Amino acid sequence: MLRLYNPEMVNSLPASATSWLLVVATLPTEDPAARMRVMRTFEALGAAMMRDGVFLLPETPTNRQAVERLVEFIGTSGGNAYAVEGMPLDAVQFDAFRKLFDRSARYEDLTKTVESLRIGFGLADPSAISRVLHKQRREFEAIGLLDFFPTPAREKAKEALAAAEAEVRELMFPSQSAASRKTNEKFLGRMWPTRRPLWADRLACSWLVRRFVDPEATMVWLDKAQDPPAGAVGFAYDGARFANSASRVTFEEMLAQLDMAGNSALVKIGNIVHFLEVRSGTRMPEAAGVQTLLQGAVRHCVSDDELLRETEKTFDLLYEAYCDPDSK
């Protein structure tokens, strides 16, 4: 990777500034599949296409590593490419480049979708609204992964989403909300630690927290001897706020303590989690398939955060399959 760097010019830019990666490539022509893979990878990275075969990205460790691999792949696939790293720009050029990565329009579309759902509050089935909001939450997170220069539109979308989720959660689980008000225990925007290694119960609990309890939760993965952060809501380990009981795994305990045990879809998922953890209880036919998917995710993923993102898809699909519109 070629490196062009002018420290004096870069230091003259605002504190929020960054340097840039410019990739100039002749994409493979004999292998359409390889060409498509390259284009999709650039899209997934959030790259701006300056012209045919010229791509721009903010320089971050993650982007730098991805570009290095991509340049190598292009070369072995019949094309050629090189990357220029740390391009010097003046403030005007830098501002022009930043505008290429403005995600405001996507956040504004998301905000409009979320606010339009309010028409159905109290009329439509709250479970159905919750499923739509969940998709918007994942869309918000997907935009955020490529939002290198956040604008006020991001915060507006975040606030609209959090407010709608809180209202729908109260419609779905009124007893949970009443209990929270009575005990003054708040579960929004908290840190939720659990211990490694992650398996069925801890992964399912993490999904439950992020989908139904605290969508803005910060998940924390603790090593065996590591102490949890002060004020955090621990789960699925000895001494945690939510832990196994004599007859229930932590996922089932959370359903009971948070007054979610009336949701038949969550109860069915709890039965699968219970069986995978302790090999007893009701063995649902889907348990073997869920086990295979979780095992595959464990082997494939390189981090615990990635593992949670992958396994959330499995629990999302289970919930969609089991969800009874009449359940609460």
C-alpha atoms as a PDB file:
ATOM      1  CA  MET A   1       0.000   0.000   0.000  1.00  0.00           C
ATOM      2  CA  LEU A   2       1.447   3.358  -1.025  1.00  0.00           C
ATOM      3  CA  ARG A   3       1.525   5.971   1.713  1.00  0.00           C
ATOM      4  CA  LEU A   4       1.248   9.701   1.109  1.00  0.00           C
ATOM      5  CA  TYR A   5       1.331  11.726   4.274  1.00  0.00           C
ATOM      6  CA  ASN A   6       1.834  15.389   5.050  1.00  0.00           C
ATOM      7  CA  PRO A   7       1.709  15.805   8.845  1.00  0.00           C
ATOM      8  CA  GLU A   8       1.565  19.605   8.735  1.00  0.00           C
ATOM      9  CA  MET A   9      -1.457  19.580   6.397  1.00  0.00           C
ATOM     10  CA  VAL A  10      -3.284  16.865   8.334  1.00  0.00           C
ATOM     11  CA  ASN A  11      -2.634  18.617  11.640  1.00  0.00           C
ATOM     12  CA  SER A  12      -4.222  21.771  10.236  1.00  0.00           C
ATOM     13  CA  LEU A  13      -7.556  19.999   9.834  1.00  0.00           C
ATOM     14  CA  PRO A  14     -10.228  19.889  12.552  1.00  0.00           C
ATOM     15  CA  ALA A  15      -9.717  17.491  15.472  1.00  0.00           C
ATOM     16  CA  SER A  16     -12.453  15.252  14.057  1.00  0.00           C
ATOM     17  CA  ALA A  17     -10.644  14.897  10.735  1.00  0.00           C
ATOM     18  CA  THR A  18      -9.169  11.726   9.392  1.00  0.00           C
ATOM     19  CA  SER A  19      -6.964  10.722   6.491  1.00  0.00           C
ATOM     20  CA  TRP A  20      -8.195   8.721   3.557  1.00  0.00           C
ATOM     21  CA  LEU A  21      -7.733   5.518   1.606  1.00  0.00           C
ATOM     22  CA  LEU A  22      -8.050   5.736  -2.167  1.00  0.00           C
ATOM     23  CA  VAL A  23      -8.236   2.466  -4.096  1.00  0.00           C
ATOM     24  CA  VAL A  24      -7.627   2.492  -7.845  1.00  0.00           C
ATOM     25  CA  ALA A  25      -8.544  -0.827  -9.418  1.00  0.00           C
ATOM     26  CA  THR A  26      -9.008  -2.594 -12.703  1.00  0.00           C
ATOM     27  CA  LEU A  27     -11.601  -5.158 -11.738  1.00  0.00           C
ATOM     28  CA  PRO A  28     -11.559  -8.763 -13.021  1.00  0.00           C
ATOM     29  CA  THR A  29     -13.231  -9.077 -16.414  1.00  0.00           C
ATOM     30  CA  GLU A  30     -12.957 -12.820 -16.997  1.00  0.00           C
ATOM     31  CA  ASP A  31     -14.601 -13.738 -13.706  1.00  0.00           C
ATOM     32  CA  PRO A  32     -17.986 -11.979 -13.225  1.00  0.00           C
ATOM     33  CA  ALA A  33     -18.457 -13.587  -9.816  1.00  0.00           C
ATOM     34  CA  ALA A  34     -15.167 -12.184  -8.544  1.00  0.00           C
ATOM     35  CA  ARG A  35     -16.013  -8.760  -9.969  1.00  0.00           C
ATOM     36  CA  MET A  36     -19.388  -8.809  -8.208  1.00  0.00           C
ATOM     37  CA  ARG A  37     -17.758  -9.893  -4.959  1.00  0.00           C
ATOM     38  CA  VAL A  38     -15.378  -6.938  -5.128  1.00  0.00           C
ATOM     39  CA  MET A  39     -18.198  -4.476  -5.780  1.00  0.00           C
ATOM     40  CA  ARG A  40     -20.315  -5.869  -2.952  1.00  0.00           C
ATOM     41  CA  THR A  41     -17.365  -5.729  -0.579  1.00  0.00           C
ATOM     42  CA  PHE A  42     -16.764  -2.063  -1.355  1.00  0.00           C
ATOM     43  CA  GLU A  43     -20.484  -1.439  -0.810  1.00  0.00           C
ATOM     44  CA  ALA A  44     -20.433  -3.316   2.506  1.00  0.00           C
ATOM     45  CA  LEU A  45     -17.471  -1.229   3.658  1.00  0.00           C
ATOM     46  CA  GLY A  46     -19.399   1.949   2.887  1.00  0.00           C
ATOM     47  CA  ALA A  47     -16.938   3.113   0.235  1.00  0.00           C
ATOM     48  CA  ALA A  48     -17.725   6.071  -2.001  1.00  0.00           C
ATOM     49  CA  MET A  49     -17.272   5.392  -5.718  1.00  0.00           C
ATOM     50  CA  MET A  50     -15.448   8.379  -7.201  1.00  0.00           C
ATOM     51  CA  ARG A  51     -15.590   7.004 -10.744  1.00  0.00           C
ATOM     52  CA  ASP A  52     -15.407   3.568 -12.342  1.00  0.00           C
ATOM     53  CA  GLY A  53     -12.708   1.625 -10.516  1.00  0.00           C
ATOM     54  CA  VAL A  54     -11.865   4.383  -8.012  1.00  0.00           C
ATOM     55  CA  PHE A  55     -13.085   4.008  -4.418  1.00  0.00           C
ATOM     56  CA  LEU A  56     -12.671   6.184  -1.330  1.00  0.00           C
ATOM     57  CA  LEU A  57     -12.817   5.285   2.368  1.00  0.00           C
ATOM     58  CA  PRO A  58     -11.906   7.033   5.617  1.00  0.00           C
ATOM     59  CA  GLU A  59      -8.668   5.590   6.927  1.00  0.00           C
ATOM     60  CA  THR A  60      -9.345   3.430   9.976  1.00  0.00           C
ATOM     61  CA  PRO A  61      -7.554   0.263  11.136  1.00  0.00           C
ATOM     62  CA  THR A  62     -10.554  -1.837  10.063  1.00  0.00           C
ATOM     63  CA  ASN A  63     -10.808  -0.216   6.626  1.00  0.00           C
ATOM     64  CA  ARG A  64      -7.052  -0.426   6.107  1.00  0.00           C
ATOM     65  CA  GLN A  65      -7.038  -4.159   6.809  1.00  0.00           C
ATOM     66  CA  ALA A  66     -10.069  -4.738   4.584  1.00  0.00           C
ATOM     67  CA  VAL A  67      -8.526  -2.765   1.714  1.00  0.00           C
ATOM     68  CA  GLU A  68      -5.262  -4.688   1.946  1.00  0.00           C
ATOM     69  CA  ARG A  69      -7.132  -7.974   1.643  1.00  0.00           C
ATOM     70  CA  LEU A  70      -9.306  -6.642  -1.148  1.00  0.00           C
ATOM     71  CA  VAL A  71      -6.314  -5.419  -3.168  1.00  0.00           C
ATOM     72  CA  GLU A  72      -4.760  -8.866  -2.796  1.00  0.00           C
ATOM     73  CA  PHE A  73      -7.987 -10.585  -3.859  1.00  0.00           C
ATOM     74  CA  ILE A  74      -8.336  -8.369  -6.940  1.00  0.00           C
ATOM     75  CA  GLY A  75      -4.781  -9.219  -7.952  1.00  0.00           C
ATOM     76  CA  THR A  76      -5.316 -12.967  -7.623  1.00  0.00           C
ATOM     77  CA  SER A  77      -8.629 -12.777  -9.511  1.00  0.00           C
ATOM     78  CA  GLY A  78      -7.249 -11.403 -12.756  1.00  0.00           C
ATOM     79  CA  GLY A  79      -7.440  -7.693 -12.026  1.00  0.00           C
ATOM     80  CA  ASN A  80      -5.016  -5.249 -10.492  1.00  0.00           C
ATOM     81  CA  ALA A  81      -5.296  -2.606  -7.817  1.00  0.00           C
ATOM     82  CA  TYR A  82      -3.299  -0.340  -5.587  1.00  0.00           C
ATOM     83  CA  ALA A  83      -4.234   1.772  -2.606  1.00  0.00           C
ATOM     84  CA  VAL A  84      -3.014   5.189  -1.586  1.00  0.00           C
ATOM     85  CA  GLU A  85      -3.045   5.687   2.169  1.00  0.00           C
ATOM     86  CA  GLY A  86      -2.973   8.924   4.147  1.00  0.00           C
ATOM     87  CA  MET A  87      -3.765  11.265   1.270  1.00  0.00           C
ATOM     88  CA  PRO A  88      -3.037  14.908   2.189  1.00  0.00           C
ATOM     89  CA  LEU A  89      -6.004  17.255   1.745  1.00  0.00           C
ATOM     90  CA  ASP A  90      -6.766  20.836   2.585  1.00  0.00           C
ATOM     91  CA  ALA A  91      -9.858  21.672   4.645  1.00  0.00           C
ATOM     92  CA  VAL A  92     -12.038  22.343   1.585  1.00  0.00           C
ATOM     93  CA  GLN A  93     -11.155  19.014  -0.040  1.00  0.00           C
ATOM     94  CA  PHE A  94     -11.657  17.219   3.237  1.00  0.00           C
ATOM     95  CA  ASP A  95     -15.137  18.706   3.679  1.00  0.00           C
ATOM     96  CA  ALA A  96     -16.048  17.674   0.131  1.00  0.00           C
ATOM     97  CA  PHE A  97     -14.947  14.110   0.840  1.00  0.00           C
ATOM     98  CA  ARG A  98     -16.921  13.991   4.090  1.00  0.00           C
ATOM     99  CA  LYS A  99     -20.124  14.875   2.247  1.00  0.00           C
ATOM    100  CA  LEU A 100     -19.736  11.680   0.207  1.00  0.00           C
ATOM    101  CA  PHE A 101     -20.315   9.736   3.435  1.00  0.00           C
ATOM    102  CA  ASP A 102     -23.276  11.690   4.792  1.00  0.00           C
ATOM    103  CA  ARG A 103     -25.854   9.134   6.027  1.00  0.00           C
ATOM    104  CA  SER A 104     -28.425  11.764   7.057  1.00  0.00           C
ATOM    105  CA  ALA A 105     -30.963  10.794   4.386  1.00  0.00           C
ATOM    106  CA  ARG A 106     -30.992   7.170   5.549  1.00  0.00           C
ATOM    107  CA  TYR A 107     -31.493   8.238   9.168  1.00  0.00           C
ATOM    108  CA  GLU A 108     -34.290  10.600   8.128  1.00  0.00           C
ATOM    109  CA  ASP A 109     -36.070   7.807   6.243  1.00  0.00           C
ATOM    110  CA  LEU A 110     -35.782   5.584   9.293  1.00  0.00           C
ATOM    111  CA  THR A 111     -37.150   8.311  11.564  1.00  0.00           C
ATOM    112  CA  LYS A 112     -40.157   8.788   9.274  1.00  0.00           C
ATOM    113  CA  THR A 113     -40.862   5.040   9.331  1.00  0.00           C
ATOM    114  CA  VAL A 114     -40.661   4.889  13.120  1.00  0.00           C
ATOM    115  CA  GLU A 115     -42.874   7.933  13.628  1.00  0.00           C
ATOM    116  CA  SER A 116     -45.445   6.602  11.155  1.00  0.00           C
ATOM    117  CA  LEU A 117     -45.865   3.518  13.349  1.00  0.00           C
ATOM    118  CA  ARG A 118     -47.285   5.666  16.145  1.00  0.00           C
ATOM    119  CA  ILE A 119     -50.595   5.794  14.287  1.00  0.00           C
ATOM    120  CA  GLY A 120     -51.128   2.165  15.238  1.00  0.00           C
ATOM    121  CA  PHE A 121     -50.250   2.473  18.936  1.00  0.00           C
ATOM    122  CA  GLY A 122     -53.193   1.186  20.922  1.00  0.00           C
ATOM    123  CA  LEU A 123     -54.943  -0.050  17.781  1.00  0.00           C
ATOM    124  CA  ALA A 124     -52.693  -2.565  16.014  1.00  0.00           C
ATOM    125  CA  ASP A 125     -51.214  -5.646  17.659  1.00  0.00           C
ATOM    126  CA  PRO A 126     -48.189  -4.406  19.653  1.00  0.00           C
ATOM    127  CA  SER A 127     -46.259  -7.584  18.825  1.00  0.00           C
ATOM    128  CA  ALA A 128     -46.538  -6.775  15.122  1.00  0.00           C
ATOM    129  CA  ILE A 129     -45.373  -3.193  15.735  1.00  0.00           C
ATOM    130  CA  SER A 130     -42.517  -4.524  17.837  1.00  0.00           C
ATOM    131  CA  ARG A 131     -41.326  -6.717  14.982  1.00  0.00           C
ATOM    132  CA  VAL A 132     -41.237  -3.730  12.626  1.00  0.00           C
ATOM    133  CA  LEU A 133     -39.412  -1.629  15.217  1.00  0.00           C
ATOM    134  CA  HIS A 134     -36.916  -4.439  15.685  1.00  0.00           C
ATOM    135  CA  LYS A 135     -36.107  -4.340  11.980  1.00  0.00           C
ATOM    136  CA  GLN A 136     -35.677  -0.568  12.223  1.00  0.00           C
ATOM    137  CA  ARG A 137     -33.344  -1.012  15.205  1.00  0.00           C
ATOM    138  CA  ARG A 138     -31.165  -3.390  13.169  1.00  0.00           C
ATOM    139  CA  GLU A 139     -31.261  -0.932  10.251  1.00  0.00           C
ATOM    140  CA  PHE A 140     -30.138   1.837  12.609  1.00  0.00           C
ATOM    141  CA  GLU A 141     -27.221  -0.315  13.741  1.00  0.00           C
ATOM    142  CA  ALA A 142     -26.326  -1.189  10.141  1.00  0.00           C
ATOM    143  CA  ILE A 143     -26.252   2.495   9.162  1.00  0.00           C
ATOM    144  CA  GLY A 144     -24.160   3.239  12.236  1.00  0.00           C
ATOM    145  CA  LEU A 145     -21.473   0.772  11.208  1.00  0.00           C
ATOM    146  CA  LEU A 146     -20.861   2.884   8.080  1.00  0.00           C
ATOM    147  CA  ASP A 147     -21.517   6.274   9.632  1.00  0.00           C
ATOM    148  CA  PHE A 148     -17.982   7.632   9.852  1.00  0.00           C
ATOM    149  CA  PHE A 149     -19.093  11.242  10.420  1.00  0.00           C
ATOM    150  CA  PRO A 150     -22.308  11.350  12.508  1.00  0.00           C
ATOM    151  CA  THR A 151     -24.742  14.224  12.002  1.00  0.00           C
ATOM    152  CA  PRO A 152     -27.710  15.421  14.132  1.00  0.00           C
ATOM    153  CA  ALA A 153     -29.952  13.154  12.042  1.00  0.00           C
ATOM    154  CA  ARG A 154     -28.413  10.160  13.778  1.00  0.00           C
ATOM    155  CA  GLU A 155     -29.327  11.396  17.240  1.00  0.00           C
ATOM    156  CA  LYS A 156     -32.851  12.276  16.106  1.00  0.00           C
ATOM    157  CA  ALA A 157     -33.348   8.753  14.737  1.00  0.00           C
ATOM    158  CA  LYS A 158     -31.934   7.266  17.933  1.00  0.00           C
ATOM    159  CA  GLU A 159     -34.331   9.250  20.109  1.00  0.00           C
ATOM    160  CA  ALA A 160     -37.371   8.448  17.947  1.00  0.00           C
ATOM    161  CA  LEU A 161     -36.532   4.753  17.980  1.00  0.00           C
ATOM    162  CA  ALA A 162     -35.961   4.625  21.742  1.00  0.00           C
ATOM    163  CA  ALA A 163     -39.229   6.439  22.478  1.00  0.00           C
ATOM    164  CA  ALA A 164     -41.264   4.164  20.206  1.00  0.00           C
ATOM    165  CA  GLU A 165     -39.649   1.027  21.626  1.00  0.00           C
ATOM    166  CA  ALA A 166     -40.427   2.129  25.175  1.00  0.00           C
ATOM    167  CA  GLU A 167     -44.094   2.758  24.353  1.00  0.00           C
ATOM    168  CA  VAL A 168     -44.541  -0.540  22.535  1.00  0.00           C
ATOM    169  CA  ARG A 169     -42.749  -2.425  25.311  1.00  0.00           C
ATOM    170  CA  GLU A 170     -45.270  -1.006  27.791  1.00  0.00           C
ATOM    171  CA  LEU A 171     -48.139  -2.088  25.536  1.00  0.00           C
ATOM    172  CA  MET A 172     -46.707  -5.611  25.216  1.00  0.00           C
ATOM    173  CA  PHE A 173     -45.659  -6.093  28.839  1.00  0.00           C
ATOM    174  CA  PRO A 174     -47.719  -3.736  31.030  1.00  0.00           C
ATOM    175  CA  SER A 175     -47.006  -5.715  34.201  1.00  0.00           C
ATOM    176  CA  GLN A 176     -43.269  -5.495  33.553  1.00  0.00           C
ATOM    177  CA  SER A 177     -43.505  -1.736  33.178  1.00  0.00           C
ATOM    178  CA  ALA A 178     -45.610  -1.435  36.332  1.00  0.00           C
ATOM    179  CA  ALA A 179     -43.145  -3.552  38.299  1.00  0.00           C
ATOM    180  CA  SER A 180     -40.266  -1.410  37.037  1.00  0.00           C
ATOM    181  CA  ARG A 181     -41.997   1.761  38.170  1.00  0.00           C
ATOM    182  CA  LYS A 182     -42.795   0.217  41.565  1.00  0.00           C
ATOM    183  CA  THR A 183     -39.242  -0.936  42.278  1.00  0.00           C
ATOM    184  CA  ASN A 184     -37.666   2.062  40.513  1.00  0.00           C
ATOM    185  CA  GLU A 185     -35.403  -0.393  38.677  1.00  0.00           C
ATOM    186  CA  LYS A 186     -34.598   0.846  35.196  1.00  0.00           C
ATOM    187  CA  PHE A 187     -33.250  -1.389  32.466  1.00  0.00           C
ATOM    188  CA  LEU A 188     -32.685   1.111  29.663  1.00  0.00           C
ATOM    189  CA  GLY A 189     -29.254   2.086  28.386  1.00  0.00           C
ATOM    190  CA  ARG A 190     -27.485  -0.181  30.873  1.00  0.00           C
ATOM    191  CA  MET A 191     -24.418  -2.398  30.712  1.00  0.00           C
ATOM    192  CA  TRP A 192     -25.285  -6.117  30.671  1.00  0.00           C
ATOM    193  CA  PRO A 193     -22.302  -8.333  31.483  1.00  0.00           C
ATOM    194  CA  THR A 194     -22.124 -12.113  31.243  1.00  0.00           C
ATOM    195  CA  ARG A 195     -19.243 -14.565  31.267  1.00  0.00           C
ATOM    196  CA  ARG A 196     -17.472 -16.343  28.468  1.00  0.00           C
ATOM    197  CA  PRO A 197     -17.814 -18.764  26.780  1.00  0.00           C
ATOM    198  CA  LEU A 198     -21.084 -17.812  25.112  1.00  0.00           C
ATOM    199  CA  TRP A 199     -23.531 -20.609  24.432  1.00  0.00           C
ATOM    200  CA  ALA A 200     -27.289 -21.084  24.142  1.00  0.00           C
ATOM    201  CA  ASP A 201     -28.468 -19.512  27.412  1.00  0.00           C
ATOM    202  CA  ARG A 202     -26.115 -16.523  27.426  1.00  0.00           C
ATOM    203  CA  LEU A 203     -26.686 -15.834  23.734  1.00  0.00           C
ATOM    204  CA  ALA A 204     -30.464 -16.161  24.056  1.00  0.00           C
ATOM    205  CA  CYS A 205     -30.475 -13.855  27.096  1.00  0.00           C
ATOM    206  CA  SER A 206     -28.413 -11.287  25.194  1.00  0.00           C
ATOM    207  CA  TRP A 207     -30.889 -11.430  22.317  1.00  0.00           C
ATOM    208  CA  LEU A 208     -33.828 -11.085  24.738  1.00  0.00           C
ATOM    209  CA  VAL A 209     -32.257  -8.051  26.385  1.00  0.00           C
ATOM    210  CA  ARG A 210     -31.492  -6.267  23.119  1.00  0.00           C
ATOM    211  CA  ARG A 211     -34.826  -7.047  21.506  1.00  0.00           C
ATOM    212  CA  PHE A 212     -37.345  -6.658  24.345  1.00  0.00           C
ATOM    213  CA  VAL A 213     -35.729  -5.194  27.454  1.00  0.00           C
ATOM    214  CA  ASP A 214     -32.973  -2.727  26.607  1.00  0.00           C
ATOM    215  CA  PRO A 215     -32.472  -2.189  22.857  1.00  0.00           C
ATOM    216  CA  GLU A 216     -29.584   0.186  23.553  1.00  0.00           C
ATOM    217  CA  ALA A 217     -27.871  -2.223  25.916  1.00  0.00           C
ATOM    218  CA  THR A 218     -24.102  -2.427  26.041  1.00  0.00           C
ATOM    219  CA  MET A 219     -23.205  -6.106  26.183  1.00  0.00           C
ATOM    220  CA  VAL A 220     -20.062  -6.923  28.179  1.00  0.00           C
ATOM    221  CA  TRP A 221     -18.211 -10.238  27.909  1.00  0.00           C
ATOM    222  CA  LEU A 222     -16.333 -11.154  31.090  1.00  0.00           C
ATOM    223  CA  ASP A 223     -13.490 -13.605  31.521  1.00  0.00           C
ATOM    224  CA  LYS A 224     -13.789 -16.114  34.354  1.00  0.00           C
ATOM    225  CA  ALA A 225     -12.101 -14.068  37.079  1.00  0.00           C
ATOM    226  CA  GLN A 226     -13.115 -10.640  35.782  1.00  0.00           C
ATOM    227  CA  ASP A 227     -15.378  -8.493  37.945  1.00  0.00           C
ATOM    228  CA  PRO A 228     -18.485  -6.949  36.359  1.00  0.00           C
ATOM    229  CA  PRO A 229     -18.634  -3.154  35.948  1.00  0.00           C
ATOM    230  CA  ALA A 230     -20.184  -1.264  38.828  1.00  0.00           C
ATOM    231  CA  GLY A 231     -23.917  -0.738  38.407  1.00  0.00           C
ATOM    232  CA  ALA A 232     -24.210  -3.264  35.585  1.00  0.00           C
ATOM    233  CA  VAL A 233     -27.061  -5.775  35.232  1.00  0.00           C
ATOM    234  CA  GLY A 234     -25.308  -9.138  35.212  1.00  0.00           C
ATOM    235  CA  PHE A 235     -26.858 -12.321  33.871  1.00  0.00           C
ATOM    236  CA  ALA A 236     -26.157 -16.032  33.496  1.00  0.00           C
ATOM    237  CA  TYR A 237     -23.411 -16.423  36.094  1.00  0.00           C
ATOM    238  CA  ASP A 238     -23.284 -16.987  39.858  1.00  0.00           C
ATOM    239  CA  GLY A 239     -24.180 -13.859  41.779  1.00  0.00           C
ATOM    240  CA  ALA A 240     -25.660 -12.055  38.788  1.00  0.00           C
ATOM    241  CA  ARG A 241     -28.912 -10.074  38.885  1.00  0.00           C
ATOM    242  CA  PHE A 242     -30.428 -12.782  36.663  1.00  0.00           C
ATOM    243  CA  ALA A 243     -29.072 -16.307  37.097  1.00  0.00           C
ATOM    244  CA  ASN A 244     -30.066 -19.969  36.927  1.00  0.00           C
ATOM    245  CA  SER A 245     -32.435 -21.345  39.542  1.00  0.00           C
ATOM    246  CA  ALA A 246     -32.962 -24.932  40.640  1.00  0.00           C
ATOM    247  CA  SER A 247     -35.384 -25.626  37.795  1.00  0.00           C
ATOM    248  CA  ARG A 248     -34.851 -22.861  35.226  1.00  0.00           C
ATOM    249  CA  VAL A 249     -32.008 -21.542  33.103  1.00  0.00           C
ATOM    250  CA  THR A 250     -31.369 -17.808  33.119  1.00  0.00           C
ATOM    251  CA  PHE A 251     -33.430 -17.133  29.987  1.00  0.00           C
ATOM    252  CA  GLU A 252     -36.477 -18.667  31.703  1.00  0.00           C
ATOM    253  CA  GLU A 253     -35.721 -16.754  34.905  1.00  0.00           C
ATOM    254  CA  MET A 254     -35.632 -13.496  32.979  1.00  0.00           C
ATOM    255  CA  LEU A 255     -39.003 -14.268  31.404  1.00  0.00           C
ATOM    256  CA  ALA A 256     -40.483 -14.936  34.844  1.00  0.00           C
ATOM    257  CA  GLN A 257     -38.933 -11.973  36.653  1.00  0.00           C
ATOM    258  CA  LEU A 258     -39.676  -9.505  33.871  1.00  0.00           C
ATOM    259  CA  ASP A 259     -43.266 -10.699  33.449  1.00  0.00           C
ATOM    260  CA  MET A 260     -42.678 -11.968  29.927  1.00  0.00           C
ATOM    261  CA  ALA A 261     -43.669 -15.580  30.576  1.00  0.00           C
ATOM    262  CA  GLY A 262     -47.068 -14.942  29.032  1.00  0.00           C
ATOM    263  CA  ASN A 263     -45.477 -14.637  25.589  1.00  0.00           C
ATOM    264  CA  SER A 264     -45.827 -18.141  24.144  1.00  0.00           C
ATOM    265  CA  ALA A 265     -43.147 -17.578  21.499  1.00  0.00           C
ATOM    266  CA  LEU A 266     -40.573 -16.634  24.132  1.00  0.00           C
ATOM    267  CA  VAL A 267     -41.585 -19.616  26.260  1.00  0.00           C
ATOM    268  CA  LYS A 268     -40.992 -21.969  23.330  1.00  0.00           C
ATOM    269  CA  ILE A 269     -37.566 -20.463  22.756  1.00  0.00           C
ATOM    270  CA  GLY A 270     -36.943 -20.930  26.484  1.00  0.00           C
ATOM    271  CA  ASN A 271     -37.756 -24.626  26.166  1.00  0.00           C
ATOM    272  CA  ILE A 272     -35.128 -24.994  23.430  1.00  0.00           C
ATOM    273  CA  VAL A 273     -32.529 -23.057  25.420  1.00  0.00           C
ATOM    274  CA  HIS A 274     -33.259 -25.140  28.531  1.00  0.00           C
ATOM    275  CA  PHE A 275     -32.779 -28.375  26.629  1.00  0.00           C
ATOM    276  CA  LEU A 276     -29.544 -27.243  24.968  1.00  0.00           C
ATOM    277  CA  GLU A 277     -28.088 -26.166  28.295  1.00  0.00           C
ATOM    278  CA  VAL A 278     -29.105 -28.998  30.646  1.00  0.00           C
ATOM    279  CA  ARG A 279     -30.312 -31.758  28.283  1.00  0.00           C
ATOM    280  CA  SER A 280     -33.569 -32.135  30.152  1.00  0.00           C
ATOM    281  CA  GLY A 281     -37.092 -30.821  29.894  1.00  0.00           C
ATOM    282  CA  THR A 282     -39.220 -30.605  26.768  1.00  0.00           C
ATOM    283  CA  ARG A 283     -37.248 -31.541  23.676  1.00  0.00           C
ATOM    284  CA  MET A 284     -38.683 -29.548  20.823  1.00  0.00           C
ATOM    285  CA  PRO A 285     -38.023 -30.851  17.295  1.00  0.00           C
ATOM    286  CA  GLU A 286     -36.223 -27.616  16.414  1.00  0.00           C
ATOM    287  CA  ALA A 287     -33.600 -28.037  19.152  1.00  0.00           C
ATOM    288  CA  ALA A 288     -31.177 -30.043  17.007  1.00  0.00           C
ATOM    289  CA  GLY A 289     -31.332 -27.484  14.204  1.00  0.00           C
ATOM    290  CA  VAL A 290     -30.798 -24.585  16.589  1.00  0.00           C
ATOM    291  CA  GLN A 291     -27.833 -26.379  18.122  1.00  0.00           C
ATOM    292  CA  THR A 292     -26.276 -26.862  14.683  1.00  0.00           C
ATOM    293  CA  LEU A 293     -26.736 -23.190  13.793  1.00  0.00           C
ATOM    294  CA  LEU A 294     -25.208 -22.035  17.091  1.00  0.00           C
ATOM    295  CA  GLN A 295     -22.262 -24.405  16.687  1.00  0.00           C
ATOM    296  CA  GLY A 296     -21.669 -23.089  13.178  1.00  0.00           C
ATOM    297  CA  ALA A 297     -21.747 -19.489  14.411  1.00  0.00           C
ATOM    298  CA  VAL A 298     -19.288 -20.277  17.224  1.00  0.00           C
ATOM    299  CA  ARG A 299     -16.822 -21.770  14.748  1.00  0.00           C
ATOM    300  CA  HIS A 300     -17.257 -19.036  12.139  1.00  0.00           C
ATOM    301  CA  CYS A 301     -17.216 -15.862  14.214  1.00  0.00           C
ATOM    302  CA  VAL A 302     -13.965 -14.240  15.278  1.00  0.00           C
ATOM    303  CA  SER A 303     -15.356 -12.167  18.168  1.00  0.00           C
ATOM    304  CA  ASP A 304     -18.119 -12.381  20.759  1.00  0.00           C
ATOM    305  CA  ASP A 305     -19.824  -9.300  19.309  1.00  0.00           C
ATOM    306  CA  GLU A 306     -19.920 -10.938  15.884  1.00  0.00           C
ATOM    307  CA  LEU A 307     -21.186 -14.163  17.449  1.00  0.00           C
ATOM    308  CA  LEU A 308     -24.098 -12.315  19.047  1.00  0.00           C
ATOM    309  CA  ARG A 309     -24.979 -10.555  15.785  1.00  0.00           C
ATOM    310  CA  GLU A 310     -25.049 -13.871  13.931  1.00  0.00           C
ATOM    311  CA  THR A 311     -27.028 -15.806  16.531  1.00  0.00           C
ATOM    312  CA  GLU A 312     -29.550 -12.994  16.935  1.00  0.00           C
ATOM    313  CA  LYS A 313     -30.668 -13.870  13.412  1.00  0.00           C
ATOM    314  CA  THR A 314     -31.471 -17.416  14.564  1.00  0.00           C
ATOM    315  CA  PHE A 315     -33.508 -16.232  17.560  1.00  0.00           C
ATOM    316  CA  ASP A 316     -35.253 -13.606  15.442  1.00  0.00           C
ATOM    317  CA  LEU A 317     -36.407 -16.290  13.005  1.00  0.00           C
ATOM    318  CA  LEU A 318     -37.520 -18.579  15.819  1.00  0.00           C
ATOM    319  CA  TYR A 319     -39.562 -15.774  17.322  1.00  0.00           C
ATOM    320  CA  GLU A 320     -41.151 -14.963  13.966  1.00  0.00           C
ATOM    321  CA  ALA A 321     -42.029 -18.651  13.499  1.00  0.00           C
ATOM    322  CA  TYR A 322     -43.527 -19.035  16.968  1.00  0.00           C
ATOM    323  CA  CYS A 323     -45.145 -15.638  17.376  1.00  0.00           C
ATOM    324  CA  ASP A 324     -48.844 -15.751  18.054  1.00  0.00           C
ATOM    325  CA  PRO A 325     -50.471 -12.392  17.239  1.00  0.00           C
ATOM    326  CA  ASP A 326     -52.793 -12.865  20.187  1.00  0.00           C
ATOM    327  CA  SER A 327     -49.987 -13.504  22.715  1.00  0.00           C
ATOM    328  CA  LYS A 328     -48.668 -10.828  25.025  1.00  0.00           C
END
